[in-house]
C-alpha cells in the first residue's frame, strides 16, 4: 500500500475537502468547490486519481464537473441521480479499491441527513460527510430520527481508533451544545479547551475518533441518563426511547 496522508482543503465558510495524497497523486472527498483542489494540485504537482462523494448537496459535489473537465477520473458516490457525475454508484456494503493508493474501501449507507447519504470506511479512516460531526450530527433534511439513530449507531460500532473525517468545521459550536445537553460530562470542558486552542492556531479540530465521539457526542449518547433527562426536560414529558431522545435534542440543536 502506498504511503499517504490526509490533508484538509478549506472551502466556503467551513467545509473541508479531504484530500488523500502522496508525493505524486491525490484523491478528493466531497469537492464542493473545484478551485481549492485545482490550486492545491497545481501547487503540489499532484495528479488527481479519484473523487468520492458522500451525498448530493452542492457544497459537497459542486466541484465535480470542473475537476472532471481537467482530468477524467472515477467518481464514487451513492445511488442518487441528483449527482450526475458519479460513475461508480455504490450500494451498502459495496467494496472498491481506491485507485493508486490501493486502500480497500467499504461503502456504508447512513441515511438521515439525506436519504441516500453514504460513508467510506477503510484503513482506519471514515469519511462520513454530514451524518456524524465531531460532537454533533447533521440536520434531518430528508431522513427521519430513526434513520439518523440507526446510522449513528452503526458508525459507533466501528473500531474506537477509527479516524473520523466529517464535512464541516462545526466542533466548537457542537461542543457548546453538548455541554448544555450533558453539563456534567467531565470530558467536555477539556475537549473544548483543546479544540479552542487548535482553532486559535488556525488548525482544524478534525479528525476526531470513534472513541472520542462515543465519550462526548450527545447524539451518540442518547441512552445516557443525563441526555435522557435533558431531552425529557425540554420536551416537558418523559422520553424513554433513544429515537425520541435524538429527535428532541436534534430539534433543540436546530434552535440552540
Protein backbone atom coordinates (compact mmCIF):
# COMPACT_ATOMS: atom_id res chain seq x y z
CA UNK A 1 0.00 0.00 0.00
CA UNK A 2 1.32 3.42 -0.93
CA UNK A 3 2.22 5.72 1.97
CA UNK A 4 -0.22 8.60 2.13
CA UNK A 5 -1.54 11.42 4.26
CA UNK A 6 -4.97 13.05 4.53
CA UNK A 7 -4.94 16.82 4.07
CA UNK A 8 -7.89 19.20 4.60
CA UNK A 9 -8.59 21.82 1.94
CA UNK A 10 -10.86 24.65 3.07
CA UNK A 11 -13.91 25.60 1.00
CA UNK A 12 -16.67 28.15 1.56
CA UNK A 13 -17.12 29.22 5.18
CA UNK A 14 -16.47 25.94 6.97
CA UNK A 15 -16.30 23.00 4.54
CA UNK A 16 -13.40 20.57 4.36
CA UNK A 17 -12.43 18.81 1.15
CA UNK A 18 -10.45 15.83 2.42
CA UNK A 19 -7.52 15.04 0.17
CA UNK A 20 -5.75 11.68 0.29
CA UNK A 21 -2.29 12.23 -1.18
CA UNK A 22 1.23 11.00 -1.55
CA UNK A 23 4.18 12.50 -3.40
CA UNK A 24 2.52 12.45 -6.79
CA UNK A 25 -1.18 11.59 -6.66
CA UNK A 26 -4.37 12.64 -4.88
CA UNK A 27 -7.98 11.61 -4.36
CA UNK A 28 -10.53 14.08 -3.01
CA UNK A 29 -13.62 13.60 -0.86
CA UNK A 30 -16.63 15.92 -1.32
CA UNK A 31 -15.15 18.65 -3.52
CA UNK A 32 -17.89 21.25 -3.22
CA UNK A 33 -15.65 23.79 -4.94
CA UNK A 34 -13.13 22.83 -7.61
CA UNK A 35 -10.82 25.82 -7.20
CA UNK A 36 -9.17 24.90 -3.88
CA UNK A 37 -8.50 21.44 -5.32
CA UNK A 38 -7.11 22.74 -8.61
CA UNK A 39 -4.90 25.22 -6.78
CA UNK A 40 -3.59 22.53 -4.44
CA UNK A 41 -2.94 20.00 -7.21
CA UNK A 42 -1.03 22.60 -9.22
CA UNK A 43 0.98 23.86 -6.26
CA UNK A 44 1.91 20.37 -5.07
CA UNK A 45 2.30 18.91 -8.60
CA UNK A 46 -0.22 16.15 -7.94
CA UNK A 47 -2.32 14.13 -10.35
CA UNK A 48 -5.97 13.55 -9.43
CA UNK A 49 -6.94 9.87 -9.46
CA UNK A 50 -10.45 9.74 -7.92
CA UNK A 51 -13.35 11.71 -6.48
CA UNK A 52 -15.52 10.42 -3.62
CA UNK A 53 -18.95 11.92 -2.86
CA UNK A 54 -20.90 11.19 0.33
CA UNK A 55 -24.17 12.95 -0.58
CA UNK A 56 -25.77 15.21 -3.15
CA UNK A 57 -25.61 18.64 -1.51
CA UNK A 58 -23.93 21.25 -3.68
CA UNK A 59 -21.31 22.16 -1.10
CA UNK A 60 -20.04 18.57 -1.39
CA UNK A 61 -20.37 17.87 -5.12
CA UNK A 62 -20.35 21.30 -6.78
CA UNK A 63 -16.74 20.97 -7.94
CA UNK A 64 -17.13 17.59 -9.63
CA UNK A 65 -17.76 18.84 -13.15
CA UNK A 66 -14.89 21.32 -13.23
CA UNK A 67 -12.46 18.72 -11.90
CA UNK A 68 -13.60 16.16 -14.46
CA UNK A 69 -13.20 18.74 -17.23
CA UNK A 70 -9.47 18.73 -16.41
CA UNK A 71 -8.98 15.02 -15.69
CA UNK A 72 -11.26 12.06 -16.30
CA UNK A 73 -11.26 10.01 -13.10
CA UNK A 74 -13.75 7.65 -11.44
CA UNK A 75 -16.33 9.30 -9.18
CA UNK A 76 -17.56 7.08 -6.36
CA UNK A 77 -20.88 8.03 -4.79
CA UNK A 78 -24.36 6.99 -3.69
CA UNK A 79 -27.13 5.63 -5.85
CA UNK A 80 -28.63 9.08 -6.32
CA UNK A 81 -29.30 10.52 -9.76
CA UNK A 82 -29.00 14.03 -8.32
CA UNK A 83 -25.22 13.62 -8.56
CA UNK A 84 -24.87 13.43 -12.33
CA UNK A 85 -21.12 12.91 -12.39
CA UNK A 86 -20.99 9.72 -10.31
CA UNK A 87 -19.58 6.89 -12.41
CA UNK A 88 -19.49 4.25 -9.65
CA UNK A 89 -22.86 4.18 -7.86
CA UNK A 90 -22.39 2.25 -4.64
CA UNK A 91 -24.91 0.36 -2.53
CA UNK A 92 -24.50 -0.56 1.12
CA UNK A 93 -21.60 -2.94 1.63
CA UNK A 94 -20.07 -2.29 -1.79
CA UNK A 95 -16.30 -2.55 -1.74
CA UNK A 96 -13.75 -0.96 -4.02
CA UNK A 97 -10.05 -0.21 -4.06
CA UNK A 98 -9.08 3.44 -4.21
CA UNK A 99 -7.02 3.91 -7.37
CA UNK A 100 -3.25 4.25 -6.94
CA UNK A 101 -3.44 4.14 -3.14
CA UNK A 102 -4.76 0.57 -3.03
CA UNK A 103 -6.89 1.41 0.00
CA UNK A 104 -9.71 -1.11 0.38
CA UNK A 105 -12.87 0.91 0.98
CA UNK A 106 -16.30 -0.24 2.15
CA UNK A 107 -19.46 1.73 1.49
CA UNK A 108 -21.87 2.29 4.40
CA UNK A 109 -25.36 3.61 3.75
CA UNK A 110 -26.06 6.12 6.55
CA UNK A 111 -29.30 7.98 5.74
CA UNK A 112 -30.69 10.72 7.95
CA UNK A 113 -29.13 13.97 6.77
CA UNK A 114 -30.18 12.93 3.25
CA UNK A 115 -31.98 9.82 2.13
CA UNK A 116 -29.04 8.47 0.09
CA UNK A 117 -26.08 9.53 2.24
CA UNK A 118 -23.13 7.13 2.32
CA UNK A 119 -19.80 6.93 4.13
CA UNK A 120 -16.48 5.47 3.03
CA UNK A 121 -14.60 3.32 5.54
CA UNK A 122 -11.22 1.70 5.13
CA UNK A 123 -7.69 1.50 6.55
CA UNK A 124 -8.84 3.11 9.80
CA UNK A 125 -10.39 6.09 8.01
CA UNK A 126 -14.05 7.15 7.97
CA UNK A 127 -15.27 9.82 5.56
CA UNK A 128 -18.79 10.45 6.81
CA UNK A 129 -19.85 13.71 5.16
CA UNK A 130 -22.59 15.44 7.14
CA UNK A 131 -24.04 12.49 9.10
CA UNK A 132 -21.60 12.37 12.01
CA UNK A 133 -19.79 15.53 13.12
CA UNK A 134 -17.34 15.99 15.95
CA UNK A 135 -19.72 16.30 18.93
CA UNK A 136 -22.75 16.50 16.64
CA UNK A 137 -24.75 15.16 13.74
CA UNK A 138 -26.30 16.58 10.59
CA UNK A 139 -29.69 18.16 10.30
CA UNK A 140 -32.50 15.86 9.19
CA UNK A 141 -33.21 17.35 5.78
CA UNK A 142 -34.57 14.20 4.12
CA UNK A 143 -34.36 11.46 6.73
CA UNK A 144 -36.04 10.58 9.99
CA UNK A 145 -34.82 10.45 13.58
CA UNK A 146 -34.98 6.65 13.36
CA UNK A 147 -32.74 6.63 10.29
CA UNK A 148 -30.25 9.01 11.90
CA UNK A 149 -30.18 6.98 15.11
CA UNK A 150 -29.59 3.76 13.19
CA UNK A 151 -26.86 5.39 11.09
CA UNK A 152 -25.05 6.86 14.09
CA UNK A 153 -25.33 3.56 15.97
CA UNK A 154 -23.77 1.80 13.02
CA UNK A 155 -20.86 4.24 12.89
CA UNK A 156 -20.36 3.95 16.65
CA UNK A 157 -19.73 0.23 16.20
CA UNK A 158 -16.60 0.89 14.14
CA UNK A 159 -13.28 0.41 15.93
CA UNK A 160 -12.58 3.07 18.55
CA UNK A 161 -9.36 4.17 16.82
CA UNK A 162 -11.15 4.92 13.53
CA UNK A 163 -10.31 8.46 12.43
CA UNK A 164 -13.44 10.47 11.67
CA UNK A 165 -13.25 12.93 8.77
CA UNK A 166 -16.51 14.86 8.55
CA UNK A 167 -17.55 17.61 6.17
CA UNK A 168 -17.53 20.79 8.27
CA UNK A 169 -15.67 22.65 10.99
CA UNK A 170 -18.55 22.70 13.47
CA UNK A 171 -16.76 21.31 16.51
CA UNK A 172 -16.76 24.30 18.85
CA UNK A 173 -20.43 25.16 18.29
CA UNK A 174 -21.31 21.48 18.70
CA UNK A 175 -19.39 21.29 21.97
CA UNK A 176 -21.28 24.28 23.37
CA UNK A 177 -24.49 22.40 22.71
CA UNK A 178 -23.06 19.16 24.11
CA UNK A 179 -22.27 20.91 27.38
CA UNK A 180 -25.85 22.18 27.58
CA UNK A 181 -27.24 18.71 26.88
CA UNK A 182 -24.87 16.89 29.26
CA UNK A 183 -23.45 19.52 31.63
CA UNK A 184 -21.77 17.06 34.00
CA UNK A 185 -19.82 15.13 31.35
CA UNK A 186 -16.21 15.60 32.57
CA UNK A 187 -14.72 15.02 29.13
CA UNK A 188 -16.38 18.05 27.55
CA UNK A 189 -14.56 21.02 29.18
CA UNK A 190 -11.15 19.51 28.49
CA UNK A 191 -12.04 18.68 24.89
CA UNK A 192 -13.48 22.14 24.30
CA UNK A 193 -10.29 23.75 25.61
CA UNK A 194 -8.12 21.64 23.30
CA UNK A 195 -10.32 22.35 20.29
CA UNK A 196 -10.38 26.08 21.07
CA UNK A 197 -6.58 26.10 21.16
CA UNK A 198 -6.42 24.40 17.77
CA UNK A 199 -8.77 26.93 16.21
CA UNK A 200 -6.84 29.85 17.68
CA UNK A 201 -3.78 28.49 15.87
CA UNK A 202 -5.77 28.20 12.64
CA UNK A 203 -5.72 24.41 12.75
CA UNK A 204 -8.65 22.05 12.12
CA UNK A 205 -10.28 20.22 15.02
CA UNK A 206 -10.50 17.11 12.84
CA UNK A 207 -10.13 14.23 12.51
CA UNK A 208 -11.93 13.00 15.57
CA UNK A 209 -12.09 9.34 16.54
CA UNK A 210 -14.97 6.99 17.20
CA UNK A 211 -13.77 6.67 20.81
CA UNK A 212 -13.90 10.46 21.27
CA UNK A 213 -17.38 10.65 19.76
CA UNK A 214 -18.76 7.90 21.98
CA UNK A 215 -17.45 9.79 25.02
CA UNK A 216 -18.57 13.31 24.07
CA UNK A 217 -21.17 13.38 21.28
CA UNK A 218 -24.70 13.76 22.68
CA UNK A 219 -26.22 12.20 19.56
CA UNK A 220 -24.26 9.00 20.21
CA UNK A 221 -25.15 9.15 23.92
CA UNK A 222 -28.96 9.20 23.70
CA UNK A 223 -29.19 6.18 26.04
CA UNK A 224 -27.26 8.00 28.79
CA UNK A 225 -29.42 9.06 31.77
CA UNK A 226 -28.16 12.66 31.66
CA UNK A 227 -29.09 13.09 27.98
CA UNK A 228 -32.45 11.45 28.54
CA UNK A 229 -33.09 13.83 31.45
CA UNK A 230 -32.15 16.90 29.40
CA UNK A 231 -34.31 15.84 26.47
CA UNK A 232 -37.25 14.97 28.73
CA UNK A 233 -36.96 18.33 30.49
CA UNK A 234 -37.07 20.20 27.22
CA UNK A 235 -39.99 18.11 25.96
CA UNK A 236 -41.80 18.51 29.29
CA UNK A 237 -42.54 14.80 29.29
CA UNK A 238 -40.69 11.57 29.99
CA UNK A 239 -38.88 10.30 26.91
CA UNK A 240 -37.95 6.66 27.22
CA UNK A 241 -36.59 5.51 23.86
CA UNK A 242 -33.36 6.64 22.14
CA UNK A 243 -35.05 7.72 18.90
CA UNK A 244 -37.37 10.11 20.73
CA UNK A 245 -34.42 11.47 22.69
CA UNK A 246 -32.44 12.02 19.49
CA UNK A 247 -35.40 13.74 17.83
CA UNK A 248 -35.78 16.08 20.78
CA UNK A 249 -32.13 17.05 21.09
CA UNK A 250 -31.82 17.45 17.30
CA UNK A 251 -34.72 19.92 17.41
CA UNK A 252 -33.08 21.62 20.38
CA UNK A 253 -29.79 21.92 18.49
CA UNK A 254 -31.62 23.36 15.46
CA UNK A 255 -32.73 26.25 17.65
CA UNK A 256 -29.76 26.45 20.01
